[in-house]
Amino acid sequence: MKYNEHDAKQRKTQQLHTTTPFPISLIHSPWIALLEKDIKFNHEIIDLQNKPAEFVAKYREASGGFGSGLVPLLEDGDNLLIESDVVAKYVAQNIDGKDGKGDSLYPSSAHDDKLIQSFVINWEHATDTYYDVLRATSQKEVERCQNKFIKSLAVVDKQLQEREGAFILGHEFSYAECISAPWIQRFFVTMPYFRGIDFQSDVLSQFKSTSQWMNAVCARPSCVESRCPEDEMIAACKKYYVSYISPGARGSSR
């Protein structure tokens, strides 16, 4: 749904509900989008072990009555949004930035929209194969999954080779970068810690375009400000995904 100018002027301050430690489900993609807009918003941390009744009720309303309350949950006036990617896209498309800031997050042409959608599909495959690397329960499985992960990044790299500028849409930071940024940050932390893989030298050295793009994304002020602390990334992986740590990996001695 797209707000008209009158609606935008009447809109209340947005409320973003997340949790800490940040699980690797990357709940802070919407946070990056809101920072790009440079607007005031309330950021409430939710204890998922002791969820406020009001939060649960709003989540069930947003989900159509399903689920017991997950994050993120965005309140924008009377609108309630859930699911990280959905919320990030919604912010990009529907929330006006201060003095036009962040307006370029959402593509302005059908061509760019198609480009972003294609990228997101390729990116989702890369993140799926990354999850498989983390979930592997033997070194043999790690190596098999790592090969698939690298192949999926090759597809991403092929698309990024066609760009003209630092980001997917050239010089404009888009909601696709908002979605991608938390993953990229985790690649650099979790691969060496759990798998003994130096992500920059062992993986990105094969993909010049992807390396340039990822480093530009990581340097973006909104991504720096919202970056999850490394100890929280590692703790979340241990809790939800990693049961086997590769020999020689940084985490194997702890």
C-alpha atoms as a PDB file:
ATOM      1  CA  MET A   1       0.000   0.000   0.000  1.00  0.00           C
ATOM      2  CA  LYS A   2       1.377   3.441  -0.933  1.00  0.00           C
ATOM      3  CA  TYR A   3       0.597   6.492   1.187  1.00  0.00           C
ATOM      4  CA  ASN A   4      -0.362   9.742  -0.487  1.00  0.00           C
ATOM      5  CA  GLU A   5       1.145  13.061   0.616  1.00  0.00           C
ATOM      6  CA  HIS A   6      -1.642  13.826   3.104  1.00  0.00           C
ATOM      7  CA  ASP A   7      -1.325  10.422   4.727  1.00  0.00           C
ATOM      8  CA  ALA A   8       2.436  10.878   5.058  1.00  0.00           C
ATOM      9  CA  LYS A   9       1.987  14.155   6.919  1.00  0.00           C
ATOM     10  CA  GLN A  10      -0.473  12.553   9.334  1.00  0.00           C
ATOM     11  CA  ARG A  11       1.653   9.477  10.001  1.00  0.00           C
ATOM     12  CA  LYS A  12       2.710   8.720  13.574  1.00  0.00           C
ATOM     13  CA  THR A  13       6.256   7.908  14.603  1.00  0.00           C
ATOM     14  CA  GLN A  14       7.149   4.379  13.528  1.00  0.00           C
ATOM     15  CA  GLN A  15       7.737   1.735  16.186  1.00  0.00           C
ATOM     16  CA  LEU A  16      10.182  -1.096  15.440  1.00  0.00           C
ATOM     17  CA  HIS A  17      10.169  -4.127  17.735  1.00  0.00           C
ATOM     18  CA  THR A  18      13.256  -6.376  17.739  1.00  0.00           C
ATOM     19  CA  THR A  19      15.119  -8.513  20.246  1.00  0.00           C
ATOM     20  CA  THR A  20      18.640  -9.009  21.581  1.00  0.00           C
ATOM     21  CA  PRO A  21      20.849 -10.945  21.183  1.00  0.00           C
ATOM     22  CA  PHE A  22      20.045 -10.597  17.496  1.00  0.00           C
ATOM     23  CA  PRO A  23      19.259 -14.062  16.118  1.00  0.00           C
ATOM     24  CA  ILE A  24      20.797 -14.873  12.779  1.00  0.00           C
ATOM     25  CA  SER A  25      17.358 -14.475  11.193  1.00  0.00           C
ATOM     26  CA  LEU A  26      18.563 -10.920  10.570  1.00  0.00           C
ATOM     27  CA  ILE A  27      15.795  -8.967  12.179  1.00  0.00           C
ATOM     28  CA  HIS A  28      17.562  -5.661  11.768  1.00  0.00           C
ATOM     29  CA  SER A  29      17.267  -5.254   7.983  1.00  0.00           C
ATOM     30  CA  PRO A  30      14.300  -2.907   8.640  1.00  0.00           C
ATOM     31  CA  TRP A  31      16.460  -0.980  11.112  1.00  0.00           C
ATOM     32  CA  ILE A  32      18.947  -0.242   8.324  1.00  0.00           C
ATOM     33  CA  ALA A  33      16.123   0.935   6.057  1.00  0.00           C
ATOM     34  CA  LEU A  34      14.781   3.264   8.751  1.00  0.00           C
ATOM     35  CA  LEU A  35      18.257   4.681   9.386  1.00  0.00           C
ATOM     36  CA  GLU A  36      18.595   5.351   5.662  1.00  0.00           C
ATOM     37  CA  LYS A  37      15.378   7.365   5.821  1.00  0.00           C
ATOM     38  CA  ASP A  38      16.873   9.487   8.636  1.00  0.00           C
ATOM     39  CA  ILE A  39      13.567   9.745  10.465  1.00  0.00           C
ATOM     40  CA  LYS A  40      12.621   9.448  14.118  1.00  0.00           C
ATOM     41  CA  PHE A  41      11.373   6.043  15.164  1.00  0.00           C
ATOM     42  CA  ASN A  42      10.978   4.143  18.407  1.00  0.00           C
ATOM     43  CA  HIS A  43      13.078   0.983  18.682  1.00  0.00           C
ATOM     44  CA  GLU A  44      11.770  -1.370  21.356  1.00  0.00           C
ATOM     45  CA  ILE A  45      13.690  -4.471  22.418  1.00  0.00           C
ATOM     46  CA  ILE A  46      11.411  -7.441  23.081  1.00  0.00           C
ATOM     47  CA  ASP A  47      12.333 -10.232  25.488  1.00  0.00           C
ATOM     48  CA  LEU A  48      11.108 -13.274  23.555  1.00  0.00           C
ATOM     49  CA  GLN A  49      11.113 -15.302  26.752  1.00  0.00           C
ATOM     50  CA  ASN A  50       8.727 -12.828  28.385  1.00  0.00           C
ATOM     51  CA  LYS A  51       6.743 -11.207  25.593  1.00  0.00           C
ATOM     52  CA  PRO A  52       4.427  -8.331  26.514  1.00  0.00           C
ATOM     53  CA  ALA A  53       0.795  -9.219  25.926  1.00  0.00           C
ATOM     54  CA  GLU A  54       0.332  -6.102  23.779  1.00  0.00           C
ATOM     55  CA  PHE A  55       3.187  -7.175  21.489  1.00  0.00           C
ATOM     56  CA  VAL A  56       1.764 -10.698  21.115  1.00  0.00           C
ATOM     57  CA  ALA A  57      -1.668  -9.298  20.276  1.00  0.00           C
ATOM     58  CA  LYS A  58      -0.229  -6.999  17.621  1.00  0.00           C
ATOM     59  CA  TYR A  59       1.815  -9.828  16.131  1.00  0.00           C
ATOM     60  CA  ARG A  60      -1.233 -12.067  15.878  1.00  0.00           C
ATOM     61  CA  GLU A  61      -3.136  -9.258  14.200  1.00  0.00           C
ATOM     62  CA  ALA A  62      -0.330  -8.758  11.689  1.00  0.00           C
ATOM     63  CA  SER A  63       0.014 -12.496  11.021  1.00  0.00           C
ATOM     64  CA  GLY A  64      -3.681 -13.176  10.625  1.00  0.00           C
ATOM     65  CA  GLY A  65      -3.831 -15.056  13.907  1.00  0.00           C
ATOM     66  CA  PHE A  66      -0.830 -17.307  13.375  1.00  0.00           C
ATOM     67  CA  GLY A  67       2.265 -17.630  15.557  1.00  0.00           C
ATOM     68  CA  SER A  68       3.023 -16.627  19.116  1.00  0.00           C
ATOM     69  CA  GLY A  69       4.973 -13.436  18.474  1.00  0.00           C
ATOM     70  CA  LEU A  70       8.220 -13.100  16.535  1.00  0.00           C
ATOM     71  CA  VAL A  71      10.342 -10.127  15.591  1.00  0.00           C
ATOM     72  CA  PRO A  72      10.657  -7.815  13.823  1.00  0.00           C
ATOM     73  CA  LEU A  73       7.272  -6.134  14.079  1.00  0.00           C
ATOM     74  CA  LEU A  74       6.871  -2.675  12.591  1.00  0.00           C
ATOM     75  CA  GLU A  75       4.068  -0.329  13.573  1.00  0.00           C
ATOM     76  CA  ASP A  76       3.385   2.434  11.076  1.00  0.00           C
ATOM     77  CA  GLY A  77       0.225   4.196  12.139  1.00  0.00           C
ATOM     78  CA  ASP A  78      -2.492   1.551  11.986  1.00  0.00           C
ATOM     79  CA  ASN A  79      -0.374  -0.747   9.832  1.00  0.00           C
ATOM     80  CA  LEU A  80       1.432  -3.725  11.393  1.00  0.00           C
ATOM     81  CA  LEU A  81       4.162  -5.487   9.411  1.00  0.00           C
ATOM     82  CA  ILE A  82       6.189  -8.640  10.125  1.00  0.00           C
ATOM     83  CA  GLU A  83       9.015 -10.604   8.430  1.00  0.00           C
ATOM     84  CA  SER A  84      12.373  -8.859   7.974  1.00  0.00           C
ATOM     85  CA  ASP A  85      12.457  -8.663   4.188  1.00  0.00           C
ATOM     86  CA  VAL A  86       8.824  -7.614   3.975  1.00  0.00           C
ATOM     87  CA  VAL A  87       9.305  -4.856   6.549  1.00  0.00           C
ATOM     88  CA  ALA A  88      12.508  -3.567   4.899  1.00  0.00           C
ATOM     89  CA  LYS A  89      10.759  -3.399   1.522  1.00  0.00           C
ATOM     90  CA  TYR A  90       7.741  -1.709   3.081  1.00  0.00           C
ATOM     91  CA  VAL A  91       9.917   0.967   4.694  1.00  0.00           C
ATOM     92  CA  ALA A  92      11.690   1.554   1.382  1.00  0.00           C
ATOM     93  CA  GLN A  93       8.469   1.885  -0.577  1.00  0.00           C
ATOM     94  CA  ASN A  94       6.021   3.513   1.817  1.00  0.00           C
ATOM     95  CA  ILE A  95       7.775   5.636   4.421  1.00  0.00           C
ATOM     96  CA  ASP A  96       8.976   9.082   3.431  1.00  0.00           C
ATOM     97  CA  GLY A  97      12.522   9.962   4.402  1.00  0.00           C
ATOM     98  CA  LYS A  98      13.633  13.232   5.961  1.00  0.00           C
ATOM     99  CA  ASP A  99      14.146  15.732   3.141  1.00  0.00           C
ATOM    100  CA  GLY A 100      13.858  12.911   0.619  1.00  0.00           C
ATOM    101  CA  LYS A 101      16.562  10.771   2.219  1.00  0.00           C
ATOM    102  CA  GLY A 102      16.281   7.079   1.432  1.00  0.00           C
ATOM    103  CA  ASP A 103      13.849   7.650  -1.435  1.00  0.00           C
ATOM    104  CA  SER A 104      16.186   5.686  -3.703  1.00  0.00           C
ATOM    105  CA  LEU A 105      15.876   2.560  -1.543  1.00  0.00           C
ATOM    106  CA  TYR A 106      12.942   1.476  -3.669  1.00  0.00           C
ATOM    107  CA  PRO A 107      13.563   1.208  -7.433  1.00  0.00           C
ATOM    108  CA  SER A 108      12.003   3.975  -9.507  1.00  0.00           C
ATOM    109  CA  SER A 109      11.670   2.052 -12.776  1.00  0.00           C
ATOM    110  CA  ALA A 110      10.324  -1.300 -13.900  1.00  0.00           C
ATOM    111  CA  HIS A 111      13.804  -2.229 -15.117  1.00  0.00           C
ATOM    112  CA  ASP A 112      15.404  -1.558 -11.719  1.00  0.00           C
ATOM    113  CA  ASP A 113      12.558  -3.295  -9.904  1.00  0.00           C
ATOM    114  CA  LYS A 114      13.108  -6.418 -12.018  1.00  0.00           C
ATOM    115  CA  LEU A 115      16.844  -6.186 -11.359  1.00  0.00           C
ATOM    116  CA  ILE A 116      16.307  -6.034  -7.597  1.00  0.00           C
ATOM    117  CA  GLN A 117      13.832  -8.916  -7.608  1.00  0.00           C
ATOM    118  CA  SER A 118      16.252 -11.059  -9.616  1.00  0.00           C
ATOM    119  CA  PHE A 119      19.066 -10.216  -7.226  1.00  0.00           C
ATOM    120  CA  VAL A 120      16.998 -11.048  -4.138  1.00  0.00           C
ATOM    121  CA  ILE A 121      16.186 -14.487  -5.560  1.00  0.00           C
ATOM    122  CA  ASN A 122      19.885 -15.180  -6.207  1.00  0.00           C
ATOM    123  CA  TRP A 123      20.799 -13.812  -2.796  1.00  0.00           C
ATOM    124  CA  GLU A 124      18.269 -16.041  -1.031  1.00  0.00           C
ATOM    125  CA  HIS A 125      19.890 -19.067  -2.625  1.00  0.00           C
ATOM    126  CA  ALA A 126      23.286 -17.894  -1.386  1.00  0.00           C
ATOM    127  CA  THR A 127      22.007 -17.451   2.166  1.00  0.00           C
ATOM    128  CA  ASP A 128      20.315 -20.860   2.089  1.00  0.00           C
ATOM    129  CA  THR A 129      23.609 -22.512   1.167  1.00  0.00           C
ATOM    130  CA  TYR A 130      25.371 -20.469   3.853  1.00  0.00           C
ATOM    131  CA  TYR A 131      22.947 -21.865   6.441  1.00  0.00           C
ATOM    132  CA  ASP A 132      23.861 -25.352   5.211  1.00  0.00           C
ATOM    133  CA  VAL A 133      27.547 -24.623   5.863  1.00  0.00           C
ATOM    134  CA  LEU A 134      26.704 -23.666   9.441  1.00  0.00           C
ATOM    135  CA  ARG A 135      24.421 -26.639  10.015  1.00  0.00           C
ATOM    136  CA  ALA A 136      26.903 -29.211   8.704  1.00  0.00           C
ATOM    137  CA  THR A 137      27.703 -31.925  11.247  1.00  0.00           C
ATOM    138  CA  SER A 138      30.976 -33.222   9.781  1.00  0.00           C
ATOM    139  CA  GLN A 139      33.951 -31.795   7.916  1.00  0.00           C
ATOM    140  CA  LYS A 140      32.992 -33.740   4.820  1.00  0.00           C
ATOM    141  CA  GLU A 141      29.568 -32.141   4.888  1.00  0.00           C
ATOM    142  CA  VAL A 142      31.128 -28.716   5.524  1.00  0.00           C
ATOM    143  CA  GLU A 143      33.234 -29.041   2.367  1.00  0.00           C
ATOM    144  CA  ARG A 144      30.293 -30.192   0.279  1.00  0.00           C
ATOM    145  CA  CYS A 145      28.111 -27.331   1.506  1.00  0.00           C
ATOM    146  CA  GLN A 146      30.929 -24.831   1.136  1.00  0.00           C
ATOM    147  CA  ASN A 147      31.257 -25.719  -2.539  1.00  0.00           C
ATOM    148  CA  LYS A 148      27.545 -25.074  -3.030  1.00  0.00           C
ATOM    149  CA  PHE A 149      27.833 -21.765  -1.178  1.00  0.00           C
ATOM    150  CA  ILE A 150      30.696 -20.648  -3.419  1.00  0.00           C
ATOM    151  CA  LYS A 151      28.752 -21.647  -6.541  1.00  0.00           C
ATOM    152  CA  SER A 152      25.792 -19.599  -5.361  1.00  0.00           C
ATOM    153  CA  LEU A 153      28.062 -16.583  -4.819  1.00  0.00           C
ATOM    154  CA  ALA A 154      29.328 -17.018  -8.376  1.00  0.00           C
ATOM    155  CA  VAL A 155      25.766 -16.410  -9.594  1.00  0.00           C
ATOM    156  CA  VAL A 156      25.538 -13.287  -7.444  1.00  0.00           C
ATOM    157  CA  ASP A 157      28.906 -12.106  -8.742  1.00  0.00           C
ATOM    158  CA  LYS A 158      27.816 -12.504 -12.356  1.00  0.00           C
ATOM    159  CA  GLN A 159      24.905 -10.162 -11.761  1.00  0.00           C
ATOM    160  CA  LEU A 160      27.037  -7.662  -9.829  1.00  0.00           C
ATOM    161  CA  GLN A 161      29.532  -7.496 -12.690  1.00  0.00           C
ATOM    162  CA  GLU A 162      26.865  -5.692 -14.714  1.00  0.00           C
ATOM    163  CA  ARG A 163      26.403  -2.832 -12.241  1.00  0.00           C
ATOM    164  CA  GLU A 164      27.866   0.652 -12.721  1.00  0.00           C
ATOM    165  CA  GLY A 165      28.748   1.882  -9.251  1.00  0.00           C
ATOM    166  CA  ALA A 166      29.193   0.544  -5.731  1.00  0.00           C
ATOM    167  CA  PHE A 167      25.709  -0.923  -5.310  1.00  0.00           C
ATOM    168  CA  ILE A 168      23.226  -3.092  -7.180  1.00  0.00           C
ATOM    169  CA  LEU A 169      21.524  -0.077  -8.740  1.00  0.00           C
ATOM    170  CA  GLY A 170      24.808   1.704  -9.353  1.00  0.00           C
ATOM    171  CA  HIS A 171      25.391   4.601  -6.976  1.00  0.00           C
ATOM    172  CA  GLU A 172      22.049   4.189  -5.168  1.00  0.00           C
ATOM    173  CA  PHE A 173      21.801   2.089  -2.004  1.00  0.00           C
ATOM    174  CA  SER A 174      18.622  -0.012  -2.261  1.00  0.00           C
ATOM    175  CA  TYR A 175      16.417  -2.114  -0.015  1.00  0.00           C
ATOM    176  CA  ALA A 176      18.212  -5.149  -1.439  1.00  0.00           C
ATOM    177  CA  GLU A 177      21.344  -3.910   0.342  1.00  0.00           C
ATOM    178  CA  CYS A 178      19.299  -3.459   3.527  1.00  0.00           C
ATOM    179  CA  ILE A 179      18.321  -7.123   3.264  1.00  0.00           C
ATOM    180  CA  SER A 180      21.826  -8.292   2.376  1.00  0.00           C
ATOM    181  CA  ALA A 181      23.905  -6.293   4.855  1.00  0.00           C
ATOM    182  CA  PRO A 182      23.275  -8.363   8.009  1.00  0.00           C
ATOM    183  CA  TRP A 183      24.165 -11.549   6.145  1.00  0.00           C
ATOM    184  CA  ILE A 184      27.380 -10.079   4.783  1.00  0.00           C
ATOM    185  CA  GLN A 185      28.435  -9.005   8.258  1.00  0.00           C
ATOM    186  CA  ARG A 186      27.862 -12.540   9.518  1.00  0.00           C
ATOM    187  CA  PHE A 187      29.822 -14.148   6.696  1.00  0.00           C
ATOM    188  CA  PHE A 188      32.947 -12.284   7.822  1.00  0.00           C
ATOM    189  CA  VAL A 189      32.487 -13.350  11.466  1.00  0.00           C
ATOM    190  CA  THR A 190      31.009 -16.842  11.438  1.00  0.00           C
ATOM    191  CA  MET A 191      32.953 -18.468   8.606  1.00  0.00           C
ATOM    192  CA  PRO A 192      36.359 -18.098  10.311  1.00  0.00           C
ATOM    193  CA  TYR A 193      34.969 -18.767  13.771  1.00  0.00           C
ATOM    194  CA  PHE A 194      33.075 -21.982  13.010  1.00  0.00           C
ATOM    195  CA  ARG A 195      34.634 -23.201   9.759  1.00  0.00           C
ATOM    196  CA  GLY A 196      38.196 -21.870   9.741  1.00  0.00           C
ATOM    197  CA  ILE A 197      37.442 -20.071   6.468  1.00  0.00           C
ATOM    198  CA  ASP A 198      38.816 -16.556   5.961  1.00  0.00           C
ATOM    199  CA  PHE A 199      35.869 -15.155   4.063  1.00  0.00           C
ATOM    200  CA  GLN A 200      37.821 -12.358   2.426  1.00  0.00           C
ATOM    201  CA  SER A 201      40.887 -14.279   1.254  1.00  0.00           C
ATOM    202  CA  ASP A 202      39.457 -17.797   0.866  1.00  0.00           C
ATOM    203  CA  VAL A 203      36.126 -16.881  -0.738  1.00  0.00           C
ATOM    204  CA  LEU A 204      35.848 -13.273  -1.917  1.00  0.00           C
ATOM    205  CA  SER A 205      39.246 -13.387  -3.609  1.00  0.00           C
ATOM    206  CA  GLN A 206      37.443 -15.407  -6.302  1.00  0.00           C
ATOM    207  CA  PHE A 207      34.772 -12.753  -6.839  1.00  0.00           C
ATOM    208  CA  LYS A 208      36.048  -9.231  -7.434  1.00  0.00           C
ATOM    209  CA  SER A 209      32.652  -7.647  -8.034  1.00  0.00           C
ATOM    210  CA  THR A 210      31.073  -9.277  -4.989  1.00  0.00           C
ATOM    211  CA  SER A 211      34.043  -8.313  -2.835  1.00  0.00           C
ATOM    212  CA  GLN A 212      33.791  -4.656  -3.859  1.00  0.00           C
ATOM    213  CA  TRP A 213      30.036  -4.634  -3.327  1.00  0.00           C
ATOM    214  CA  MET A 214      30.170  -6.331   0.087  1.00  0.00           C
ATOM    215  CA  ASN A 215      32.869  -4.004   1.356  1.00  0.00           C
ATOM    216  CA  ALA A 216      30.886  -0.975   0.187  1.00  0.00           C
ATOM    217  CA  VAL A 217      27.788  -2.281   1.963  1.00  0.00           C
ATOM    218  CA  CYS A 218      29.699  -2.941   5.204  1.00  0.00           C
ATOM    219  CA  ALA A 219      31.094   0.611   5.130  1.00  0.00           C
ATOM    220  CA  ARG A 220      27.653   2.207   4.751  1.00  0.00           C
ATOM    221  CA  PRO A 221      26.953   4.311   7.904  1.00  0.00           C
ATOM    222  CA  SER A 222      23.511   2.752   8.452  1.00  0.00           C
ATOM    223  CA  CYS A 223      25.055  -0.728   8.341  1.00  0.00           C
ATOM    224  CA  VAL A 224      27.862   0.276  10.697  1.00  0.00           C
ATOM    225  CA  GLU A 225      25.417   1.769  13.211  1.00  0.00           C
ATOM    226  CA  SER A 226      23.089  -1.237  13.189  1.00  0.00           C
ATOM    227  CA  ARG A 227      25.810  -3.885  13.107  1.00  0.00           C
ATOM    228  CA  CYS A 228      25.256  -6.806  15.459  1.00  0.00           C
ATOM    229  CA  PRO A 229      28.107  -7.319  17.968  1.00  0.00           C
ATOM    230  CA  GLU A 230      30.291 -10.277  17.032  1.00  0.00           C
ATOM    231  CA  ASP A 231      29.721 -12.096  20.318  1.00  0.00           C
ATOM    232  CA  GLU A 232      25.969 -11.946  19.734  1.00  0.00           C
ATOM    233  CA  MET A 233      26.333 -13.308  16.194  1.00  0.00           C
ATOM    234  CA  ILE A 234      28.399 -16.211  17.516  1.00  0.00           C
ATOM    235  CA  ALA A 235      26.060 -16.862  20.450  1.00  0.00           C
ATOM    236  CA  ALA A 236      23.028 -16.950  18.142  1.00  0.00           C
ATOM    237  CA  CYS A 237      24.743 -19.412  15.788  1.00  0.00           C
ATOM    238  CA  LYS A 238      25.637 -21.703  18.673  1.00  0.00           C
ATOM    239  CA  LYS A 239      22.091 -21.586  19.971  1.00  0.00           C
ATOM    240  CA  TYR A 240      20.231 -22.102  16.707  1.00  0.00           C
ATOM    241  CA  TYR A 241      22.475 -23.628  14.051  1.00  0.00           C
ATOM    242  CA  VAL A 242      25.970 -24.836  14.833  1.00  0.00           C
ATOM    243  CA  SER A 243      26.523 -28.193  16.507  1.00  0.00           C
ATOM    244  CA  TYR A 244      29.863 -29.019  14.865  1.00  0.00           C
ATOM    245  CA  ILE A 245      32.935 -26.771  14.733  1.00  0.00           C
ATOM    246  CA  SER A 246      35.610 -27.464  12.126  1.00  0.00           C
ATOM    247  CA  PRO A 247      39.106 -28.455  13.325  1.00  0.00           C
ATOM    248  CA  GLY A 248      41.422 -25.446  13.379  1.00  0.00           C
ATOM    249  CA  ALA A 249      38.565 -22.942  13.338  1.00  0.00           C
ATOM    250  CA  ARG A 250      38.812 -20.077  15.780  1.00  0.00           C
ATOM    251  CA  GLY A 251      35.906 -21.429  17.812  1.00  0.00           C
ATOM    252  CA  SER A 252      37.351 -24.918  18.147  1.00  0.00           C
ATOM    253  CA  SER A 253      39.700 -23.828  20.917  1.00  0.00           C
ATOM    254  CA  ARG A 254      36.984 -22.198  23.048  1.00  0.00           C
END
